[in-house]
N, C-alpha and C. Protein backbone atom coordinates (compact mmCIF):
# COMPACT_ATOMS: atom_id res chain seq x y z
N MET A 1 -240.42 -143.25 -50.62
CA MET A 1 -239.31 -144.13 -50.85
C MET A 1 -239.66 -145.30 -51.89
N THR A 2 -238.74 -145.57 -52.79
CA THR A 2 -239.09 -146.59 -53.51
C THR A 2 -237.84 -147.77 -53.48
N ILE A 3 -238.46 -149.00 -53.34
CA ILE A 3 -237.51 -150.10 -53.33
C ILE A 3 -237.50 -151.06 -54.51
N ASN A 4 -236.45 -151.28 -55.19
CA ASN A 4 -236.29 -152.20 -56.27
C ASN A 4 -236.01 -153.78 -55.75
N GLY A 5 -237.03 -154.00 -55.09
CA GLY A 5 -236.61 -155.46 -54.39
C GLY A 5 -237.69 -156.60 -55.08
N GLU A 6 -238.46 -156.09 -56.04
CA GLU A 6 -239.67 -157.01 -56.49
C GLU A 6 -238.89 -158.47 -56.87
N HIS A 7 -237.70 -158.49 -57.24
CA HIS A 7 -237.25 -159.81 -57.86
C HIS A 7 -236.94 -160.82 -56.88
N VAL A 8 -237.03 -160.49 -55.66
CA VAL A 8 -236.81 -161.45 -54.46
C VAL A 8 -238.30 -161.86 -54.09
N SER A 9 -239.30 -161.47 -54.65
CA SER A 9 -240.76 -161.61 -54.02
C SER A 9 -241.07 -163.23 -53.97
N ASP A 10 -240.38 -164.07 -54.97
CA ASP A 10 -240.64 -165.28 -54.69
C ASP A 10 -239.79 -166.10 -53.81
N ARG A 11 -238.73 -165.52 -53.27
CA ARG A 11 -237.74 -166.10 -52.31
C ARG A 11 -237.78 -165.98 -51.06
N MET A 12 -238.20 -164.53 -50.60
CA MET A 12 -238.49 -164.24 -49.20
C MET A 12 -239.57 -165.19 -48.60
N ILE A 13 -239.17 -165.49 -47.31
CA ILE A 13 -240.05 -166.39 -46.47
C ILE A 13 -240.61 -165.40 -45.49
N THR A 14 -241.80 -164.86 -45.70
CA THR A 14 -242.49 -164.13 -44.70
C THR A 14 -243.37 -164.71 -43.95
N ASP A 15 -243.02 -165.76 -43.04
CA ASP A 15 -243.89 -166.52 -42.25
C ASP A 15 -244.17 -165.61 -41.09
N VAL A 16 -244.96 -166.16 -40.12
CA VAL A 16 -245.45 -165.50 -38.93
C VAL A 16 -244.20 -164.88 -38.14
N SER A 17 -243.25 -165.81 -37.84
CA SER A 17 -242.02 -165.46 -37.21
C SER A 17 -241.27 -164.34 -37.47
N PHE A 18 -241.03 -164.40 -38.98
CA PHE A 18 -240.38 -163.36 -39.67
C PHE A 18 -240.97 -161.90 -39.41
N VAL A 19 -242.43 -161.93 -39.84
CA VAL A 19 -243.38 -160.81 -39.75
C VAL A 19 -243.27 -160.09 -38.27
N THR A 20 -243.14 -161.02 -37.43
CA THR A 20 -243.25 -160.54 -35.94
C THR A 20 -241.98 -159.97 -35.61
N GLU A 21 -240.94 -160.39 -36.32
CA GLU A 21 -239.64 -159.92 -35.88
C GLU A 21 -239.51 -158.50 -36.47
N LEU A 22 -240.04 -158.53 -37.91
CA LEU A 22 -240.11 -157.00 -38.22
C LEU A 22 -241.03 -155.97 -37.59
N ALA A 23 -241.83 -156.38 -36.98
CA ALA A 23 -242.81 -155.71 -36.07
C ALA A 23 -242.03 -155.24 -34.87
N SER A 24 -241.29 -156.36 -34.35
CA SER A 24 -240.60 -155.93 -33.20
C SER A 24 -239.52 -154.76 -33.27
N ALA A 25 -238.79 -155.15 -34.37
CA ALA A 25 -237.91 -154.25 -34.88
C ALA A 25 -238.36 -152.77 -35.33
N GLU A 26 -239.49 -152.65 -35.31
CA GLU A 26 -240.31 -151.29 -35.68
C GLU A 26 -239.98 -151.16 -37.40
N CYS A 27 -239.72 -152.15 -38.11
CA CYS A 27 -239.67 -151.98 -39.56
C CYS A 27 -241.22 -151.84 -40.20
N ILE A 28 -241.96 -152.50 -39.54
CA ILE A 28 -243.45 -152.37 -39.79
C ILE A 28 -244.23 -151.96 -38.56
N THR A 29 -245.40 -151.68 -38.71
CA THR A 29 -246.17 -151.44 -37.71
C THR A 29 -246.96 -152.74 -37.26
N TRP A 30 -247.68 -152.90 -36.02
CA TRP A 30 -248.13 -154.06 -35.57
C TRP A 30 -249.50 -154.44 -36.33
N SER A 31 -250.16 -153.20 -36.86
CA SER A 31 -251.27 -153.51 -37.70
C SER A 31 -250.89 -153.98 -39.05
N GLN A 32 -249.89 -153.56 -39.65
CA GLN A 32 -249.24 -154.11 -40.90
C GLN A 32 -248.95 -155.62 -40.66
N ARG A 33 -248.30 -155.80 -39.66
CA ARG A 33 -247.90 -157.47 -39.20
C ARG A 33 -249.34 -158.18 -39.37
N GLU A 34 -250.32 -157.64 -38.72
CA GLU A 34 -251.48 -158.45 -38.83
C GLU A 34 -252.05 -158.77 -40.37
N HIS A 35 -252.04 -157.50 -41.04
CA HIS A 35 -252.36 -157.53 -42.34
C HIS A 35 -251.65 -158.68 -43.10
N LEU A 36 -250.50 -158.56 -42.98
CA LEU A 36 -249.63 -159.63 -43.72
C LEU A 36 -249.92 -161.02 -43.29
N ASN A 37 -250.06 -161.27 -41.92
CA ASN A 37 -250.11 -162.70 -41.59
C ASN A 37 -251.64 -163.06 -42.02
N ASN A 38 -252.74 -162.18 -42.50
CA ASN A 38 -253.81 -162.60 -43.17
C ASN A 38 -253.83 -162.93 -44.65
N ILE A 39 -252.64 -162.59 -45.23
CA ILE A 39 -252.48 -162.90 -46.53
C ILE A 39 -252.12 -164.34 -46.80
N LEU A 40 -252.88 -165.27 -47.50
CA LEU A 40 -252.44 -166.43 -47.92
C LEU A 40 -251.47 -166.86 -48.70
N GLN A 41 -251.38 -166.09 -49.88
CA GLN A 41 -250.28 -166.46 -50.87
C GLN A 41 -248.94 -165.84 -50.45
N PRO A 42 -247.64 -166.74 -50.37
CA PRO A 42 -246.52 -166.11 -49.90
C PRO A 42 -246.03 -164.87 -50.75
N ARG A 43 -246.29 -165.14 -52.10
CA ARG A 43 -245.74 -164.05 -52.99
C ARG A 43 -246.46 -162.77 -52.80
N ASP A 44 -247.91 -162.81 -52.63
CA ASP A 44 -248.75 -161.82 -52.33
C ASP A 44 -248.39 -161.10 -50.96
N ARG A 45 -247.98 -161.86 -49.89
CA ARG A 45 -247.41 -161.40 -48.83
C ARG A 45 -246.11 -160.57 -49.02
N ASN A 46 -245.36 -161.11 -49.82
CA ASN A 46 -243.89 -160.58 -49.98
C ASN A 46 -244.14 -159.15 -50.83
N VAL A 47 -245.12 -159.12 -51.77
CA VAL A 47 -245.35 -157.98 -52.61
C VAL A 47 -245.85 -156.88 -51.54
N LYS A 48 -246.75 -157.29 -50.68
CA LYS A 48 -247.32 -156.48 -49.71
C LYS A 48 -246.24 -155.83 -48.85
N LEU A 49 -245.32 -156.56 -48.23
CA LEU A 49 -244.62 -156.21 -47.38
C LEU A 49 -243.63 -155.21 -48.16
N ILE A 50 -243.22 -155.45 -49.31
CA ILE A 50 -242.22 -154.43 -49.91
C ILE A 50 -243.15 -153.17 -50.34
N GLU A 51 -244.57 -153.44 -50.60
CA GLU A 51 -245.11 -151.99 -50.59
C GLU A 51 -245.15 -151.23 -49.28
N PHE A 52 -245.32 -151.82 -48.18
CA PHE A 52 -245.44 -151.34 -46.75
C PHE A 52 -243.93 -150.68 -46.62
N LEU A 53 -242.97 -151.16 -47.06
CA LEU A 53 -241.63 -150.84 -46.84
C LEU A 53 -241.32 -149.43 -47.71
N THR A 54 -241.97 -149.41 -48.66
CA THR A 54 -241.94 -148.19 -49.72
C THR A 54 -242.62 -146.84 -48.93
N ARG A 55 -243.45 -147.13 -48.06
CA ARG A 55 -244.20 -146.05 -47.47
C ARG A 55 -243.42 -145.60 -46.14
N ARG A 56 -242.48 -146.38 -45.55
CA ARG A 56 -241.79 -145.86 -44.44
C ARG A 56 -240.51 -145.33 -44.73
N SER A 57 -239.73 -144.90 -43.85
CA SER A 57 -238.58 -144.02 -44.17
C SER A 57 -237.17 -145.12 -44.36
N VAL A 58 -236.26 -144.32 -44.80
CA VAL A 58 -235.03 -145.17 -45.12
C VAL A 58 -234.57 -145.75 -43.76
N THR A 59 -234.63 -145.06 -42.64
CA THR A 59 -234.19 -145.96 -41.31
C THR A 59 -235.27 -147.07 -41.18
N HIS A 60 -236.40 -147.22 -41.57
CA HIS A 60 -236.95 -148.34 -41.40
C HIS A 60 -236.57 -149.32 -42.44
N PHE A 61 -236.33 -148.98 -43.69
CA PHE A 61 -235.54 -149.87 -44.48
C PHE A 61 -234.36 -150.35 -43.79
N LYS A 62 -233.35 -149.76 -43.36
CA LYS A 62 -232.23 -149.99 -42.88
C LYS A 62 -232.58 -151.32 -41.57
N LYS A 63 -233.47 -151.01 -40.89
CA LYS A 63 -233.98 -151.82 -39.81
C LYS A 63 -234.29 -153.09 -40.66
N PHE A 64 -235.07 -153.07 -41.51
CA PHE A 64 -235.52 -154.40 -42.18
C PHE A 64 -234.27 -155.02 -42.85
N ILE A 65 -233.40 -154.43 -43.30
CA ILE A 65 -232.25 -155.22 -43.68
C ILE A 65 -231.42 -155.95 -42.63
N ASN A 66 -231.42 -155.27 -41.36
CA ASN A 66 -230.76 -155.76 -40.30
C ASN A 66 -231.49 -157.13 -39.98
N VAL A 67 -232.86 -157.01 -39.86
CA VAL A 67 -233.60 -158.24 -39.35
C VAL A 67 -233.46 -159.26 -40.77
N LEU A 68 -233.70 -158.90 -41.96
CA LEU A 68 -233.22 -159.76 -42.92
C LEU A 68 -231.85 -160.71 -42.86
N ALA A 69 -230.96 -159.86 -42.50
CA ALA A 69 -229.44 -160.27 -42.44
C ALA A 69 -229.26 -161.31 -41.41
N LYS A 70 -230.16 -161.22 -40.33
CA LYS A 70 -230.24 -162.39 -39.36
C LYS A 70 -231.01 -163.36 -39.71
N GLU A 71 -232.14 -163.08 -40.42
CA GLU A 71 -233.04 -164.51 -40.67
C GLU A 71 -232.87 -165.01 -42.01
N GLN A 72 -232.48 -164.21 -43.02
CA GLN A 72 -232.45 -164.68 -44.47
C GLN A 72 -231.24 -163.82 -45.20
N ALA A 73 -230.03 -163.95 -44.46
CA ALA A 73 -228.82 -163.38 -44.90
C ALA A 73 -228.83 -163.41 -46.41
N HIS A 74 -229.14 -164.61 -47.03
CA HIS A 74 -228.63 -164.82 -48.47
C HIS A 74 -229.48 -163.58 -49.39
N LEU A 75 -230.57 -163.04 -48.98
CA LEU A 75 -231.20 -162.13 -49.49
C LEU A 75 -230.88 -160.58 -49.65
N VAL A 76 -230.35 -160.39 -48.67
CA VAL A 76 -229.71 -158.95 -48.37
C VAL A 76 -229.09 -158.41 -49.56
N ARG A 77 -228.18 -159.18 -49.99
CA ARG A 77 -227.47 -158.63 -51.29
C ARG A 77 -228.25 -158.32 -52.44
N GLU A 78 -229.61 -159.04 -52.79
CA GLU A 78 -230.48 -158.77 -53.57
C GLU A 78 -231.18 -157.63 -53.34
N PHE A 79 -231.15 -156.99 -52.13
CA PHE A 79 -231.86 -155.89 -52.01
C PHE A 79 -230.92 -154.54 -52.26
N LEU A 80 -229.62 -154.83 -52.09
CA LEU A 80 -228.52 -153.77 -52.07
C LEU A 80 -227.77 -153.68 -53.23
N ARG A 81 -227.88 -154.77 -54.28
CA ARG A 81 -226.99 -154.78 -55.12
C ARG A 81 -227.72 -154.00 -56.48
N ASP A 82 -226.93 -153.91 -57.47
CA ASP A 82 -227.68 -153.44 -58.84
C ASP A 82 -229.08 -153.82 -58.88
N GLY A 83 -229.91 -152.63 -59.25
CA GLY A 83 -231.13 -153.00 -59.00
C GLY A 83 -231.89 -152.81 -57.96
N GLY A 84 -231.30 -152.81 -56.65
CA GLY A 84 -231.93 -152.76 -55.53
C GLY A 84 -231.53 -151.80 -54.65
N GLU A 85 -231.34 -150.45 -55.24
CA GLU A 85 -230.95 -149.28 -54.62
C GLU A 85 -232.15 -148.78 -53.99
N ILE A 86 -231.95 -147.78 -53.09
CA ILE A 86 -233.08 -147.10 -52.25
C ILE A 86 -233.21 -145.42 -52.97
N TYR A 87 -234.31 -145.29 -53.24
CA TYR A 87 -234.53 -143.85 -53.79
C TYR A 87 -235.55 -143.22 -52.93
N VAL A 88 -235.15 -142.05 -52.68
CA VAL A 88 -236.06 -141.21 -51.59
C VAL A 88 -236.67 -140.10 -52.34
N SER A 89 -237.90 -140.10 -52.55
CA SER A 89 -238.44 -138.73 -53.34
C SER A 89 -238.44 -137.36 -52.49
N CYS A 90 -238.54 -136.46 -53.03
CA CYS A 90 -238.46 -135.16 -52.32
C CYS A 90 -239.56 -134.99 -51.34
N ASN A 91 -240.66 -135.64 -51.97
CA ASN A 91 -241.95 -135.50 -51.29
C ASN A 91 -242.34 -136.49 -50.44
N ASP A 92 -241.21 -137.38 -49.66
CA ASP A 92 -241.29 -138.50 -48.85
C ASP A 92 -241.23 -137.79 -47.44
N PHE A 93 -242.51 -137.49 -46.79
CA PHE A 93 -242.49 -136.85 -45.46
C PHE A 93 -242.22 -137.74 -44.43
N ASN A 94 -242.10 -139.06 -44.51
CA ASN A 94 -241.71 -140.11 -43.60
C ASN A 94 -240.28 -140.14 -43.25
N THR A 95 -239.40 -139.51 -43.79
CA THR A 95 -237.85 -139.66 -43.63
C THR A 95 -237.61 -138.50 -42.61
């Protein structure tokens, strides 16, 4: 899966609370949560989160969008609008 959401890397707030919410909703794994929490720079954390999401299924991405809608609703549109579509490749075995 490829997500064209890099344009929100500077605006998404991936603090401990948000990342924990993502893990609780099973958007990311608990080990990915720990990895994200150890990244100091917010933009680097956001880029890594997007990278993690691209390795997950469309279902996981939808869960991510639901969490984002509760926590940072103003960014949902950025992921879903022009340039923020979801593409699933034929060799994506996680779907």
